Amino acid sequence: SILAVTSGKGGVGKTFVAANLAAALVRLGKRVLVLDADLGLANLDVVLNLAPKVTLHDVFTGNTPLNDAILPAPGGFSVLLAGSGLVEYSRMTPEVRDKLVAVLDQVRPRFDHVLLDTGAGISDVVLYTVSLADEVLVVATPEPTSLTDAYATIKVLASQQKRSSIRVVINQTARLGDGRAITTQLQQVLDRFVTTEPGQAMRLVHLGDIPADPSVRQAIMRRQLLMMTAP
């Protein structure tokens, strides 16, 4: 299956969630690939402390076969890393679109789970990338701006992609139950203002909370996976 991990705004821990979720799935015996789909502002390599010689850009330009760009990551999963600061990927051109689809078609049969670490927000690049996924996971924090942006993202996905359910993880929660309360609030606003198909509401599935914890920050600063330093 293909899961898009996305968020309304940057800095909420989307890449952190994608990488550690991948490591957790590997522990369950799954074959996992994380694809850095934030093609122009890639940072999965930073989180994993990898210095890629080959990126998706090299695959897209035909300089490198796809197999050579799939690299092993700490945690036992595979990664396809993107380049950083490549302006040509700030817009979703038909050419980039076709190449991304071709890459996904090739990797899908080889892995149990492909996680797409998308950019943040509702640009055409992010929305198109998310549209390629079977499931969507929105990462948010309890901070008001994060929730406003998460709502905006969910609203656009509901209206444009006719999704009936979206999964939600609330990161950096202070108290037990905070995330579920936040998801319920988001659901109430959606029920009032957003309809997908006639008579069909978009359902948010609260997957869980990630408590605010100094060990998360330490892992990120050390560029290590939390699943390895403090599982």
C-alpha atoms as a PDB file:
ATOM      1  CA  SER A   1       0.000   0.000   0.000  1.00  0.00           C
ATOM      2  CA  ILE A   2       1.042   3.608  -0.524  1.00  0.00           C
ATOM      3  CA  LEU A   3       0.631   5.981   2.434  1.00  0.00           C
ATOM      4  CA  ALA A   4       1.117   9.736   2.067  1.00  0.00           C
ATOM      5  CA  VAL A   5       2.386  11.406   5.239  1.00  0.00           C
ATOM      6  CA  THR A   6       1.494  15.079   4.962  1.00  0.00           C
ATOM      7  CA  SER A   7       0.757  18.188   7.022  1.00  0.00           C
ATOM      8  CA  GLY A   8      -0.779  21.632   6.732  1.00  0.00           C
ATOM      9  CA  LYS A   9       2.383  23.432   7.804  1.00  0.00           C
ATOM     10  CA  GLY A  10       6.064  22.627   8.074  1.00  0.00           C
ATOM     11  CA  GLY A  11       7.887  21.867  11.305  1.00  0.00           C
ATOM     12  CA  VAL A  12       5.251  19.592  12.848  1.00  0.00           C
ATOM     13  CA  GLY A  13       7.344  16.420  12.597  1.00  0.00           C
ATOM     14  CA  LYS A  14       6.075  14.909   9.360  1.00  0.00           C
ATOM     15  CA  THR A  15       9.429  13.483   8.239  1.00  0.00           C
ATOM     16  CA  PHE A  16      10.152  12.337  11.808  1.00  0.00           C
ATOM     17  CA  VAL A  17       6.825  10.429  11.842  1.00  0.00           C
ATOM     18  CA  ALA A  18       7.390   8.916   8.383  1.00  0.00           C
ATOM     19  CA  ALA A  19      10.916   7.684   9.196  1.00  0.00           C
ATOM     20  CA  ASN A  20      10.047   6.229  12.605  1.00  0.00           C
ATOM     21  CA  LEU A  21       6.827   4.679  11.299  1.00  0.00           C
ATOM     22  CA  ALA A  22       8.928   2.970   8.618  1.00  0.00           C
ATOM     23  CA  ALA A  23      11.307   1.599  11.282  1.00  0.00           C
ATOM     24  CA  ALA A  24       8.326   0.365  13.328  1.00  0.00           C
ATOM     25  CA  LEU A  25       6.847  -1.415  10.286  1.00  0.00           C
ATOM     26  CA  VAL A  26      10.202  -3.106   9.617  1.00  0.00           C
ATOM     27  CA  ARG A  27      10.069  -4.494  13.164  1.00  0.00           C
ATOM     28  CA  LEU A  28       6.755  -6.104  12.207  1.00  0.00           C
ATOM     29  CA  GLY A  29       8.542  -7.878   9.370  1.00  0.00           C
ATOM     30  CA  LYS A  30       7.375  -5.583   6.557  1.00  0.00           C
ATOM     31  CA  ARG A  31       9.380  -4.464   3.529  1.00  0.00           C
ATOM     32  CA  VAL A  32       9.231  -0.664   3.605  1.00  0.00           C
ATOM     33  CA  LEU A  33      10.347   2.162   1.329  1.00  0.00           C
ATOM     34  CA  VAL A  34      10.226   5.836   2.288  1.00  0.00           C
ATOM     35  CA  LEU A  35      10.196   8.148  -0.704  1.00  0.00           C
ATOM     36  CA  ASP A  36      11.071  11.796  -0.062  1.00  0.00           C
ATOM     37  CA  ALA A  37       8.308  13.345  -2.140  1.00  0.00           C
ATOM     38  CA  ASP A  38       9.165  16.896  -1.051  1.00  0.00           C
ATOM     39  CA  LEU A  39      11.100  17.092  -4.288  1.00  0.00           C
ATOM     40  CA  GLY A  40      12.528  20.608  -3.970  1.00  0.00           C
ATOM     41  CA  LEU A  41      12.945  20.956  -0.180  1.00  0.00           C
ATOM     42  CA  ALA A  42      14.055  17.473   0.720  1.00  0.00           C
ATOM     43  CA  ASN A  43      15.119  16.761   4.306  1.00  0.00           C
ATOM     44  CA  LEU A  44      14.680  13.019   4.864  1.00  0.00           C
ATOM     45  CA  ASP A  45      18.434  12.637   4.283  1.00  0.00           C
ATOM     46  CA  VAL A  46      19.105  15.088   7.143  1.00  0.00           C
ATOM     47  CA  VAL A  47      16.813  13.251   9.563  1.00  0.00           C
ATOM     48  CA  LEU A  48      18.515   9.929   8.728  1.00  0.00           C
ATOM     49  CA  ASN A  49      22.043  11.381   8.589  1.00  0.00           C
ATOM     50  CA  LEU A  50      22.574  10.137   5.029  1.00  0.00           C
ATOM     51  CA  ALA A  51      24.625  11.916   2.394  1.00  0.00           C
ATOM     52  CA  PRO A  52      23.110  10.662  -0.853  1.00  0.00           C
ATOM     53  CA  LYS A  53      25.269  10.609  -3.955  1.00  0.00           C
ATOM     54  CA  VAL A  54      22.243   9.617  -6.008  1.00  0.00           C
ATOM     55  CA  THR A  55      18.757  11.133  -5.720  1.00  0.00           C
ATOM     56  CA  LEU A  56      15.377  10.945  -7.444  1.00  0.00           C
ATOM     57  CA  HIS A  57      16.550  13.847  -9.592  1.00  0.00           C
ATOM     58  CA  ASP A  58      19.166  11.536 -11.143  1.00  0.00           C
ATOM     59  CA  VAL A  59      16.467   8.941 -11.823  1.00  0.00           C
ATOM     60  CA  PHE A  60      14.121  11.535 -13.353  1.00  0.00           C
ATOM     61  CA  THR A  61      16.859  12.850 -15.657  1.00  0.00           C
ATOM     62  CA  GLY A  62      17.740   9.306 -16.728  1.00  0.00           C
ATOM     63  CA  ASN A  63      21.306   9.540 -15.378  1.00  0.00           C
ATOM     64  CA  THR A  64      20.819   6.708 -12.886  1.00  0.00           C
ATOM     65  CA  PRO A  65      18.761   3.503 -12.909  1.00  0.00           C
ATOM     66  CA  LEU A  66      16.086   3.436 -10.203  1.00  0.00           C
ATOM     67  CA  ASN A  67      17.712   0.483  -8.421  1.00  0.00           C
ATOM     68  CA  ASP A  68      20.884   2.488  -7.810  1.00  0.00           C
ATOM     69  CA  ALA A  69      18.890   5.268  -6.110  1.00  0.00           C
ATOM     70  CA  ILE A  70      17.143   2.977  -3.590  1.00  0.00           C
ATOM     71  CA  LEU A  71      19.395   3.138  -0.538  1.00  0.00           C
ATOM     72  CA  PRO A  72      19.397   1.305   2.794  1.00  0.00           C
ATOM     73  CA  ALA A  73      18.528   3.479   5.812  1.00  0.00           C
ATOM     74  CA  PRO A  74      19.124   3.022   9.537  1.00  0.00           C
ATOM     75  CA  GLY A  75      16.124   1.139  10.890  1.00  0.00           C
ATOM     76  CA  GLY A  76      16.191  -1.445   8.128  1.00  0.00           C
ATOM     77  CA  PHE A  77      13.964   0.238   5.561  1.00  0.00           C
ATOM     78  CA  SER A  78      14.861   1.562   2.112  1.00  0.00           C
ATOM     79  CA  VAL A  79      14.815   5.182   0.988  1.00  0.00           C
ATOM     80  CA  LEU A  80      14.534   7.131  -2.230  1.00  0.00           C
ATOM     81  CA  LEU A  81      15.926  10.574  -1.454  1.00  0.00           C
ATOM     82  CA  ALA A  82      15.180  13.812  -3.253  1.00  0.00           C
ATOM     83  CA  GLY A  83      17.496  16.730  -3.964  1.00  0.00           C
ATOM     84  CA  SER A  84      17.317  20.005  -2.068  1.00  0.00           C
ATOM     85  CA  GLY A  85      16.943  23.451  -3.592  1.00  0.00           C
ATOM     86  CA  LEU A  86      15.885  22.217  -7.033  1.00  0.00           C
ATOM     87  CA  VAL A  87      13.537  24.931  -8.271  1.00  0.00           C
ATOM     88  CA  GLU A  88      12.319  22.791 -11.187  1.00  0.00           C
ATOM     89  CA  TYR A  89      10.354  20.671  -8.678  1.00  0.00           C
ATOM     90  CA  SER A  90       8.500  23.584  -7.099  1.00  0.00           C
ATOM     91  CA  ARG A  91       5.768  23.115  -9.738  1.00  0.00           C
ATOM     92  CA  MET A  92       4.155  19.850 -10.784  1.00  0.00           C
ATOM     93  CA  THR A  93       4.792  19.750 -14.530  1.00  0.00           C
ATOM     94  CA  PRO A  94       3.317  16.913 -16.633  1.00  0.00           C
ATOM     95  CA  GLU A  95       6.867  15.600 -17.080  1.00  0.00           C
ATOM     96  CA  VAL A  96       7.586  15.370 -13.329  1.00  0.00           C
ATOM     97  CA  ARG A  97       4.114  13.905 -12.801  1.00  0.00           C
ATOM     98  CA  ASP A  98       4.741  11.094 -15.293  1.00  0.00           C
ATOM     99  CA  LYS A  99       8.162  10.322 -13.856  1.00  0.00           C
ATOM    100  CA  LEU A 100       6.849  10.144 -10.306  1.00  0.00           C
ATOM    101  CA  VAL A 101       4.067   7.774 -11.373  1.00  0.00           C
ATOM    102  CA  ALA A 102       6.568   5.610 -13.263  1.00  0.00           C
ATOM    103  CA  VAL A 103       8.802   5.349 -10.172  1.00  0.00           C
ATOM    104  CA  LEU A 104       5.849   4.429  -7.940  1.00  0.00           C
ATOM    105  CA  ASP A 105       4.655   1.803 -10.434  1.00  0.00           C
ATOM    106  CA  GLN A 106       8.087   0.186 -10.269  1.00  0.00           C
ATOM    107  CA  VAL A 107       8.519   0.211  -6.486  1.00  0.00           C
ATOM    108  CA  ARG A 108       4.965  -0.686  -5.417  1.00  0.00           C
ATOM    109  CA  PRO A 109       5.245  -4.448  -6.140  1.00  0.00           C
ATOM    110  CA  ARG A 110       8.611  -4.711  -4.339  1.00  0.00           C
ATOM    111  CA  PHE A 111       7.524  -3.349  -0.941  1.00  0.00           C
ATOM    112  CA  ASP A 112       4.682  -4.032   1.482  1.00  0.00           C
ATOM    113  CA  HIS A 113       4.476  -0.327   2.313  1.00  0.00           C
ATOM    114  CA  VAL A 114       5.624   2.754   0.429  1.00  0.00           C
ATOM    115  CA  LEU A 115       5.532   5.903   2.575  1.00  0.00           C
ATOM    116  CA  LEU A 116       5.488   9.204   0.709  1.00  0.00           C
ATOM    117  CA  ASP A 117       6.990  11.971   2.832  1.00  0.00           C
ATOM    118  CA  THR A 118       5.276  14.885   1.087  1.00  0.00           C
ATOM    119  CA  GLY A 119       5.822  18.612   1.332  1.00  0.00           C
ATOM    120  CA  ALA A 120       3.629  20.674   3.646  1.00  0.00           C
ATOM    121  CA  GLY A 121       0.609  22.708   2.587  1.00  0.00           C
ATOM    122  CA  ILE A 122      -1.696  22.608  -0.418  1.00  0.00           C
ATOM    123  CA  SER A 123       0.519  23.369  -3.417  1.00  0.00           C
ATOM    124  CA  ASP A 124      -0.170  21.444  -6.627  1.00  0.00           C
ATOM    125  CA  VAL A 125       2.984  19.371  -5.996  1.00  0.00           C
ATOM    126  CA  VAL A 126       1.773  18.244  -2.557  1.00  0.00           C
ATOM    127  CA  LEU A 127      -1.823  17.608  -3.620  1.00  0.00           C
ATOM    128  CA  TYR A 128      -0.782  15.624  -6.671  1.00  0.00           C
ATOM    129  CA  THR A 129       1.649  13.512  -4.648  1.00  0.00           C
ATOM    130  CA  VAL A 130      -1.030  12.810  -2.030  1.00  0.00           C
ATOM    131  CA  SER A 131      -3.477  11.817  -4.796  1.00  0.00           C
ATOM    132  CA  LEU A 132      -1.184   8.889  -5.695  1.00  0.00           C
ATOM    133  CA  ALA A 133      -1.578   7.321  -2.230  1.00  0.00           C
ATOM    134  CA  ASP A 134      -4.107   4.732  -1.064  1.00  0.00           C
ATOM    135  CA  GLU A 135      -4.180   6.240   2.437  1.00  0.00           C
ATOM    136  CA  VAL A 136      -3.389   9.681   3.861  1.00  0.00           C
ATOM    137  CA  LEU A 137      -1.915  10.453   7.278  1.00  0.00           C
ATOM    138  CA  VAL A 138      -2.037  14.094   8.391  1.00  0.00           C
ATOM    139  CA  VAL A 139       0.433  15.093  11.118  1.00  0.00           C
ATOM    140  CA  ALA A 140      -0.433  18.127  13.246  1.00  0.00           C
ATOM    141  CA  THR A 141       0.528  19.609  16.603  1.00  0.00           C
ATOM    142  CA  PRO A 142      -1.860  21.123  19.196  1.00  0.00           C
ATOM    143  CA  GLU A 143      -0.709  24.618  18.252  1.00  0.00           C
ATOM    144  CA  PRO A 144      -3.542  26.756  16.734  1.00  0.00           C
ATOM    145  CA  THR A 145      -1.700  27.563  13.471  1.00  0.00           C
ATOM    146  CA  SER A 146      -0.941  23.884  12.907  1.00  0.00           C
ATOM    147  CA  LEU A 147      -4.595  22.938  13.446  1.00  0.00           C
ATOM    148  CA  THR A 148      -5.859  25.712  11.155  1.00  0.00           C
ATOM    149  CA  ASP A 149      -3.501  24.528   8.416  1.00  0.00           C
ATOM    150  CA  ALA A 150      -4.372  20.865   9.041  1.00  0.00           C
ATOM    151  CA  TYR A 151      -8.060  21.730   8.657  1.00  0.00           C
ATOM    152  CA  ALA A 152      -7.360  23.623   5.420  1.00  0.00           C
ATOM    153  CA  THR A 153      -5.428  20.644   4.030  1.00  0.00           C
ATOM    154  CA  ILE A 154      -8.128  18.132   5.006  1.00  0.00           C
ATOM    155  CA  LYS A 155     -10.817  20.383   3.506  1.00  0.00           C
ATOM    156  CA  VAL A 156      -8.993  20.545   0.157  1.00  0.00           C
ATOM    157  CA  LEU A 157      -8.362  16.768   0.155  1.00  0.00           C
ATOM    158  CA  ALA A 158     -12.047  16.147   0.920  1.00  0.00           C
ATOM    159  CA  SER A 159     -13.307  18.375  -1.872  1.00  0.00           C
ATOM    160  CA  GLN A 160     -10.671  17.618  -4.530  1.00  0.00           C
ATOM    161  CA  GLN A 161      -9.887  13.952  -3.941  1.00  0.00           C
ATOM    162  CA  LYS A 162     -13.244  12.719  -2.612  1.00  0.00           C
ATOM    163  CA  ARG A 163     -11.529  10.822   0.190  1.00  0.00           C
ATOM    164  CA  SER A 164     -13.903   9.283   2.704  1.00  0.00           C
ATOM    165  CA  SER A 165     -11.348   8.979   5.498  1.00  0.00           C
ATOM    166  CA  ILE A 166      -8.071  10.548   6.543  1.00  0.00           C
ATOM    167  CA  ARG A 167      -5.849   9.369   9.384  1.00  0.00           C
ATOM    168  CA  VAL A 168      -4.566  11.870  11.934  1.00  0.00           C
ATOM    169  CA  VAL A 169      -1.605  11.825  14.326  1.00  0.00           C
ATOM    170  CA  ILE A 170      -1.164  14.648  16.833  1.00  0.00           C
ATOM    171  CA  ASN A 171       2.498  15.228  17.651  1.00  0.00           C
ATOM    172  CA  GLN A 172       3.914  17.039  20.705  1.00  0.00           C
ATOM    173  CA  THR A 173       0.887  16.512  22.939  1.00  0.00           C
ATOM    174  CA  ALA A 174       1.132  17.632  26.578  1.00  0.00           C
ATOM    175  CA  ARG A 175      -1.500  15.363  28.166  1.00  0.00           C
ATOM    176  CA  LEU A 176      -3.037  11.983  27.507  1.00  0.00           C
ATOM    177  CA  GLY A 177      -6.197  12.334  25.443  1.00  0.00           C
ATOM    178  CA  ASP A 178      -5.287  15.746  23.978  1.00  0.00           C
ATOM    179  CA  GLY A 179      -4.904  14.365  20.454  1.00  0.00           C
ATOM    180  CA  ARG A 180      -8.241  12.570  20.452  1.00  0.00           C
ATOM    181  CA  ALA A 181      -9.968  15.758  21.679  1.00  0.00           C
ATOM    182  CA  ILE A 182      -8.278  17.771  18.904  1.00  0.00           C
ATOM    183  CA  THR A 183      -9.276  15.225  16.250  1.00  0.00           C
ATOM    184  CA  THR A 184     -12.877  15.337  17.540  1.00  0.00           C
ATOM    185  CA  GLN A 185     -12.852  19.149  17.269  1.00  0.00           C
ATOM    186  CA  LEU A 186     -11.522  18.972  13.705  1.00  0.00           C
ATOM    187  CA  GLN A 187     -14.216  16.402  12.874  1.00  0.00           C
ATOM    188  CA  GLN A 188     -16.968  18.690  14.207  1.00  0.00           C
ATOM    189  CA  VAL A 189     -15.782  21.578  12.045  1.00  0.00           C
ATOM    190  CA  LEU A 190     -15.577  19.283   9.002  1.00  0.00           C
ATOM    191  CA  ASP A 191     -19.087  17.945   9.624  1.00  0.00           C
ATOM    192  CA  ARG A 192     -20.422  21.503   9.604  1.00  0.00           C
ATOM    193  CA  PHE A 193     -18.574  22.953   6.648  1.00  0.00           C
ATOM    194  CA  VAL A 194     -17.294  20.191   4.371  1.00  0.00           C
ATOM    195  CA  THR A 195     -19.211  17.647   2.341  1.00  0.00           C
ATOM    196  CA  THR A 196     -17.556  15.250  -0.083  1.00  0.00           C
ATOM    197  CA  GLU A 197     -20.356  13.312  -1.774  1.00  0.00           C
ATOM    198  CA  PRO A 198     -24.016  14.010  -1.018  1.00  0.00           C
ATOM    199  CA  GLY A 199     -24.786  12.517   2.364  1.00  0.00           C
ATOM    200  CA  GLN A 200     -21.209  11.388   2.932  1.00  0.00           C
ATOM    201  CA  ALA A 201     -19.019  13.018   5.563  1.00  0.00           C
ATOM    202  CA  MET A 202     -15.261  12.885   5.589  1.00  0.00           C
ATOM    203  CA  ARG A 203     -14.223  10.739   8.551  1.00  0.00           C
ATOM    204  CA  LEU A 204     -11.072  11.468  10.518  1.00  0.00           C
ATOM    205  CA  VAL A 205      -9.428   8.415  12.078  1.00  0.00           C
ATOM    206  CA  HIS A 206      -7.393   9.320  15.150  1.00  0.00           C
ATOM    207  CA  LEU A 207      -4.365   7.021  14.954  1.00  0.00           C
ATOM    208  CA  GLY A 208      -2.689   8.278  18.101  1.00  0.00           C
ATOM    209  CA  ASP A 209      -0.645  10.919  19.869  1.00  0.00           C
ATOM    210  CA  ILE A 210       3.082  11.403  20.127  1.00  0.00           C
ATOM    211  CA  PRO A 211       3.775  13.002  23.523  1.00  0.00           C
ATOM    212  CA  ALA A 212       6.139  15.960  23.767  1.00  0.00           C
ATOM    213  CA  ASP A 213       9.346  14.379  25.024  1.00  0.00           C
ATOM    214  CA  PRO A 214      12.949  15.597  25.251  1.00  0.00           C
ATOM    215  CA  SER A 215      14.152  12.278  23.775  1.00  0.00           C
ATOM    216  CA  VAL A 216      12.444  13.187  20.482  1.00  0.00           C
ATOM    217  CA  ARG A 217      14.387  16.416  20.219  1.00  0.00           C
ATOM    218  CA  GLN A 218      17.615  14.639  21.212  1.00  0.00           C
ATOM    219  CA  ALA A 219      17.107  12.007  18.508  1.00  0.00           C
ATOM    220  CA  ILE A 220      16.468  14.691  15.888  1.00  0.00           C
ATOM    221  CA  MET A 221      19.487  16.753  16.944  1.00  0.00           C
ATOM    222  CA  ARG A 222      21.653  13.624  16.788  1.00  0.00           C
ATOM    223  CA  ARG A 223      20.077  12.741  13.443  1.00  0.00           C
ATOM    224  CA  GLN A 224      19.038   9.336  14.711  1.00  0.00           C
ATOM    225  CA  LEU A 225      15.741   7.465  14.706  1.00  0.00           C
ATOM    226  CA  LEU A 226      13.781   7.578  17.948  1.00  0.00           C
ATOM    227  CA  MET A 227      12.877   3.933  17.233  1.00  0.00           C
ATOM    228  CA  MET A 228      16.561   3.144  17.674  1.00  0.00           C
ATOM    229  CA  THR A 229      17.638   5.526  20.464  1.00  0.00           C
ATOM    230  CA  ALA A 230      14.545   5.323  22.723  1.00  0.00           C
ATOM    231  CA  PRO A 231      12.037   2.840  21.281  1.00  0.00           C
END
